[in-house]
Amino acid sequence: MDNASARNMWGDYLDKHLEDAFVTAPKSIHFCDNEKDANEGAELVLKEIKKATSPSLLGLQLRKEPLPKIGDFLVITDWEGTAKCIVKTTRVKLKPFFSINEEYARQEGEGDKSLSHWKKTHWEYYTRELAPFKREARESMIIVCQEFEKVFG
């Protein structure tokens, strides 16, 4: 873990949770691709409103990032990299974009929590995410629906 703030938070977590002492140190992430949304996302997790995130499978593959797994920990940071909390993945489902429903949009906890807001903001994000790879977002693209619970912070 190359982020000192995240490393310190993980150490603080382990001080209270020795049962996870042999868990691989989690990666640290911020949500979204801009400061405003990243910081809002971190705050929503802190308030236990945001309980899911949704990378595209193609984006993960193009960046050579692994699929999340149940039991994975993540240190959530703000845009600047300051650790805000730790979450643990509780569920991972692969679903086409067109099949995302209202219930899942509410779990993401962003905006007005509606499906229409989720689809609009995520479509815009996936379009930006895939553009550098000369790929386009599609209704049939697979979304990695990663649900989590805040466990520390």
C-alpha atoms as a PDB file:
ATOM      1  CA  MET A   1       0.000   0.000   0.000  1.00  0.00           C
ATOM      2  CA  ASP A   2       1.712   3.194  -1.169  1.00  0.00           C
ATOM      3  CA  ASN A   3      -0.645   5.668   0.516  1.00  0.00           C
ATOM      4  CA  ALA A   4       0.581   6.574   4.032  1.00  0.00           C
ATOM      5  CA  SER A   5      -2.873   7.725   5.182  1.00  0.00           C
ATOM      6  CA  ALA A   6      -4.458   4.446   4.029  1.00  0.00           C
ATOM      7  CA  ARG A   7      -1.602   2.399   5.528  1.00  0.00           C
ATOM      8  CA  ASN A   8      -2.094   4.140   8.887  1.00  0.00           C
ATOM      9  CA  MET A   9      -5.861   3.558   8.833  1.00  0.00           C
ATOM     10  CA  TRP A  10      -5.336  -0.127   7.959  1.00  0.00           C
ATOM     11  CA  GLY A  11      -2.917  -0.395  10.919  1.00  0.00           C
ATOM     12  CA  ASP A  12      -5.487   1.208  13.221  1.00  0.00           C
ATOM     13  CA  TYR A  13      -8.094  -1.271  11.947  1.00  0.00           C
ATOM     14  CA  LEU A  14      -5.767  -4.238  12.547  1.00  0.00           C
ATOM     15  CA  ASP A  15      -5.069  -3.049  16.110  1.00  0.00           C
ATOM     16  CA  LYS A  16      -8.743  -3.689  16.841  1.00  0.00           C
ATOM     17  CA  HIS A  17      -9.253  -6.672  14.507  1.00  0.00           C
ATOM     18  CA  LEU A  18      -6.435  -9.157  14.986  1.00  0.00           C
ATOM     19  CA  GLU A  19      -8.518 -11.781  13.197  1.00  0.00           C
ATOM     20  CA  ASP A  20      -7.643  -9.956   9.938  1.00  0.00           C
ATOM     21  CA  ALA A  21      -3.894  -9.764  10.626  1.00  0.00           C
ATOM     22  CA  PHE A  22      -3.080 -12.113   7.731  1.00  0.00           C
ATOM     23  CA  VAL A  23      -5.400 -10.494   5.218  1.00  0.00           C
ATOM     24  CA  THR A  24      -3.601  -8.968   2.255  1.00  0.00           C
ATOM     25  CA  ALA A  25      -3.358  -5.222   2.753  1.00  0.00           C
ATOM     26  CA  PRO A  26      -6.252  -3.599   0.868  1.00  0.00           C
ATOM     27  CA  LYS A  27      -5.899  -1.185  -1.982  1.00  0.00           C
ATOM     28  CA  SER A  28      -6.987   2.380  -1.444  1.00  0.00           C
ATOM     29  CA  ILE A  29      -9.451   3.969  -3.839  1.00  0.00           C
ATOM     30  CA  HIS A  30     -11.403   7.126  -4.369  1.00  0.00           C
ATOM     31  CA  PHE A  31     -14.689   7.034  -6.228  1.00  0.00           C
ATOM     32  CA  CYS A  32     -15.306   8.664  -9.603  1.00  0.00           C
ATOM     33  CA  ASP A  33     -12.954  10.595 -11.832  1.00  0.00           C
ATOM     34  CA  ASN A  34     -13.256  14.086 -10.361  1.00  0.00           C
ATOM     35  CA  GLU A  35     -12.698  15.744  -7.000  1.00  0.00           C
ATOM     36  CA  LYS A  36     -16.282  16.810  -6.250  1.00  0.00           C
ATOM     37  CA  ASP A  37     -17.817  13.373  -6.864  1.00  0.00           C
ATOM     38  CA  ALA A  38     -14.927  11.513  -5.192  1.00  0.00           C
ATOM     39  CA  ASN A  39     -15.264  13.558  -2.011  1.00  0.00           C
ATOM     40  CA  GLU A  40     -19.075  13.276  -1.999  1.00  0.00           C
ATOM     41  CA  GLY A  41     -18.830   9.506  -2.496  1.00  0.00           C
ATOM     42  CA  ALA A  42     -16.464   9.138   0.464  1.00  0.00           C
ATOM     43  CA  GLU A  43     -18.806  11.202   2.656  1.00  0.00           C
ATOM     44  CA  LEU A  44     -21.785   9.063   1.608  1.00  0.00           C
ATOM     45  CA  VAL A  45     -19.888   5.922   2.663  1.00  0.00           C
ATOM     46  CA  LEU A  46     -18.993   7.508   6.001  1.00  0.00           C
ATOM     47  CA  LYS A  47     -22.700   8.208   6.568  1.00  0.00           C
ATOM     48  CA  GLU A  48     -23.508   4.628   5.483  1.00  0.00           C
ATOM     49  CA  ILE A  49     -25.689   5.896   2.639  1.00  0.00           C
ATOM     50  CA  LYS A  50     -23.449   4.627  -0.183  1.00  0.00           C
ATOM     51  CA  LYS A  51     -23.138   0.849   0.043  1.00  0.00           C
ATOM     52  CA  ALA A  52     -22.121  -0.076  -3.504  1.00  0.00           C
ATOM     53  CA  THR A  53     -19.880   0.886  -6.399  1.00  0.00           C
ATOM     54  CA  SER A  54     -20.099  -0.126 -10.040  1.00  0.00           C
ATOM     55  CA  PRO A  55     -17.009  -0.316 -12.213  1.00  0.00           C
ATOM     56  CA  SER A  56     -17.451  -1.598 -15.741  1.00  0.00           C
ATOM     57  CA  LEU A  57     -15.980  -5.033 -16.388  1.00  0.00           C
ATOM     58  CA  LEU A  58     -14.366  -3.751 -19.580  1.00  0.00           C
ATOM     59  CA  GLY A  59     -12.755  -0.858 -17.697  1.00  0.00           C
ATOM     60  CA  LEU A  60     -11.283  -3.257 -15.136  1.00  0.00           C
ATOM     61  CA  GLN A  61      -9.992  -5.521 -17.915  1.00  0.00           C
ATOM     62  CA  LEU A  62      -8.449  -2.663 -19.899  1.00  0.00           C
ATOM     63  CA  ARG A  63      -6.691  -1.366 -16.767  1.00  0.00           C
ATOM     64  CA  LYS A  64      -5.655  -4.925 -15.868  1.00  0.00           C
ATOM     65  CA  GLU A  65      -7.371  -4.705 -12.474  1.00  0.00           C
ATOM     66  CA  PRO A  66      -8.742  -7.841 -10.764  1.00  0.00           C
ATOM     67  CA  LEU A  67     -12.421  -8.440 -10.183  1.00  0.00           C
ATOM     68  CA  PRO A  68     -13.471  -7.652  -6.618  1.00  0.00           C
ATOM     69  CA  LYS A  69     -14.248 -10.640  -4.397  1.00  0.00           C
ATOM     70  CA  ILE A  70     -16.468 -11.119  -1.382  1.00  0.00           C
ATOM     71  CA  GLY A  71     -14.355 -10.417   1.691  1.00  0.00           C
ATOM     72  CA  ASP A  72     -12.075  -7.884  -0.033  1.00  0.00           C
ATOM     73  CA  PHE A  73     -11.289  -4.785   1.993  1.00  0.00           C
ATOM     74  CA  LEU A  74     -10.901  -1.302   0.475  1.00  0.00           C
ATOM     75  CA  VAL A  75      -9.635   1.865   2.099  1.00  0.00           C
ATOM     76  CA  ILE A  76     -11.883   4.644   0.813  1.00  0.00           C
ATOM     77  CA  THR A  77     -10.107   7.970   0.388  1.00  0.00           C
ATOM     78  CA  ASP A  78     -11.050  11.437  -0.708  1.00  0.00           C
ATOM     79  CA  TRP A  79      -9.673  12.860  -3.977  1.00  0.00           C
ATOM     80  CA  GLU A  80      -6.432  13.923  -2.250  1.00  0.00           C
ATOM     81  CA  GLY A  81      -5.815  10.421  -0.892  1.00  0.00           C
ATOM     82  CA  THR A  82      -6.757  11.010   2.732  1.00  0.00           C
ATOM     83  CA  ALA A  83      -8.191   7.780   4.151  1.00  0.00           C
ATOM     84  CA  LYS A  84     -11.802   8.174   5.301  1.00  0.00           C
ATOM     85  CA  CYS A  85     -12.920   4.631   6.134  1.00  0.00           C
ATOM     86  CA  ILE A  86     -12.540   0.938   5.380  1.00  0.00           C
ATOM     87  CA  VAL A  87     -15.200  -1.150   3.678  1.00  0.00           C
ATOM     88  CA  LYS A  88     -15.540  -4.890   3.177  1.00  0.00           C
ATOM     89  CA  THR A  89     -17.084  -6.355   0.017  1.00  0.00           C
ATOM     90  CA  THR A  90     -20.221  -8.351   0.826  1.00  0.00           C
ATOM     91  CA  ARG A  91     -21.535  -9.155  -2.662  1.00  0.00           C
ATOM     92  CA  VAL A  92     -20.360  -9.046  -6.275  1.00  0.00           C
ATOM     93  CA  LYS A  93     -22.693  -9.529  -9.234  1.00  0.00           C
ATOM     94  CA  LEU A  94     -22.042  -9.069 -12.935  1.00  0.00           C
ATOM     95  CA  LYS A  95     -25.023  -7.491 -14.715  1.00  0.00           C
ATOM     96  CA  PRO A  96     -25.609  -5.823 -18.063  1.00  0.00           C
ATOM     97  CA  PHE A  97     -26.034  -2.049 -17.804  1.00  0.00           C
ATOM     98  CA  PHE A  98     -29.641  -2.270 -19.033  1.00  0.00           C
ATOM     99  CA  SER A  99     -30.582  -4.603 -16.148  1.00  0.00           C
ATOM    100  CA  ILE A 100     -29.566  -2.330 -13.248  1.00  0.00           C
ATOM    101  CA  ASN A 101     -32.679  -1.693 -11.145  1.00  0.00           C
ATOM    102  CA  GLU A 102     -34.022   0.906  -8.697  1.00  0.00           C
ATOM    103  CA  GLU A 103     -32.992  -1.111  -5.645  1.00  0.00           C
ATOM    104  CA  TYR A 104     -29.360  -1.235  -6.741  1.00  0.00           C
ATOM    105  CA  ALA A 105     -29.367   2.482  -7.655  1.00  0.00           C
ATOM    106  CA  ARG A 106     -30.554   3.241  -4.094  1.00  0.00           C
ATOM    107  CA  GLN A 107     -27.658   1.213  -2.661  1.00  0.00           C
ATOM    108  CA  GLU A 108     -25.199   3.371  -4.586  1.00  0.00           C
ATOM    109  CA  GLY A 109     -26.730   6.256  -2.634  1.00  0.00           C
ATOM    110  CA  GLU A 110     -25.775   9.030  -5.054  1.00  0.00           C
ATOM    111  CA  GLY A 111     -27.824  12.022  -6.180  1.00  0.00           C
ATOM    112  CA  ASP A 112     -31.539  11.466  -5.637  1.00  0.00           C
ATOM    113  CA  LYS A 113     -30.883   7.679  -5.484  1.00  0.00           C
ATOM    114  CA  SER A 114     -33.123   7.104  -8.520  1.00  0.00           C
ATOM    115  CA  LEU A 115     -32.439   4.699 -11.360  1.00  0.00           C
ATOM    116  CA  SER A 116     -32.591   7.546 -13.878  1.00  0.00           C
ATOM    117  CA  HIS A 117     -29.881   9.453 -11.961  1.00  0.00           C
ATOM    118  CA  TRP A 118     -27.750   6.310 -11.678  1.00  0.00           C
ATOM    119  CA  LYS A 119     -28.038   5.553 -15.399  1.00  0.00           C
ATOM    120  CA  LYS A 120     -27.278   9.121 -16.485  1.00  0.00           C
ATOM    121  CA  THR A 121     -24.236   9.670 -14.262  1.00  0.00           C
ATOM    122  CA  HIS A 122     -22.805   6.191 -14.769  1.00  0.00           C
ATOM    123  CA  TRP A 123     -23.268   6.306 -18.548  1.00  0.00           C
ATOM    124  CA  GLU A 124     -21.337   9.575 -18.591  1.00  0.00           C
ATOM    125  CA  TYR A 125     -18.625   8.035 -16.391  1.00  0.00           C
ATOM    126  CA  TYR A 126     -18.303   4.851 -18.480  1.00  0.00           C
ATOM    127  CA  THR A 127     -18.097   6.956 -21.645  1.00  0.00           C
ATOM    128  CA  ARG A 128     -15.167   8.924 -20.162  1.00  0.00           C
ATOM    129  CA  GLU A 129     -13.587   5.781 -18.687  1.00  0.00           C
ATOM    130  CA  LEU A 130     -13.532   3.880 -21.986  1.00  0.00           C
ATOM    131  CA  ALA A 131     -12.659   6.774 -24.332  1.00  0.00           C
ATOM    132  CA  PRO A 132      -8.859   6.568 -23.821  1.00  0.00           C
ATOM    133  CA  PHE A 133      -9.055   2.922 -24.946  1.00  0.00           C
ATOM    134  CA  LYS A 134     -11.104   3.848 -28.068  1.00  0.00           C
ATOM    135  CA  ARG A 135     -14.044   1.862 -26.705  1.00  0.00           C
ATOM    136  CA  GLU A 136     -17.659   2.935 -26.251  1.00  0.00           C
ATOM    137  CA  ALA A 137     -20.204   2.376 -23.518  1.00  0.00           C
ATOM    138  CA  ARG A 138     -23.064   0.085 -24.541  1.00  0.00           C
ATOM    139  CA  GLU A 139     -26.394  -0.879 -22.967  1.00  0.00           C
ATOM    140  CA  SER A 140     -25.199  -4.505 -22.969  1.00  0.00           C
ATOM    141  CA  MET A 141     -21.838  -3.829 -21.276  1.00  0.00           C
ATOM    142  CA  ILE A 142     -21.248  -5.754 -18.087  1.00  0.00           C
ATOM    143  CA  ILE A 143     -21.238  -3.796 -14.833  1.00  0.00           C
ATOM    144  CA  VAL A 144     -19.513  -5.137 -11.723  1.00  0.00           C
ATOM    145  CA  CYS A 145     -22.054  -4.482  -8.973  1.00  0.00           C
ATOM    146  CA  GLN A 146     -19.904  -4.452  -5.834  1.00  0.00           C
ATOM    147  CA  GLU A 147     -21.783  -4.110  -2.549  1.00  0.00           C
ATOM    148  CA  PHE A 148     -19.950  -3.399   0.683  1.00  0.00           C
ATOM    149  CA  GLU A 149     -20.330  -2.488   4.330  1.00  0.00           C
ATOM    150  CA  LYS A 150     -18.347   0.086   6.252  1.00  0.00           C
ATOM    151  CA  VAL A 151     -16.276  -1.728   8.884  1.00  0.00           C
ATOM    152  CA  PHE A 152     -14.009   1.043  10.180  1.00  0.00           C
ATOM    153  CA  GLY A 153     -13.850   4.818  10.243  1.00  0.00           C
END
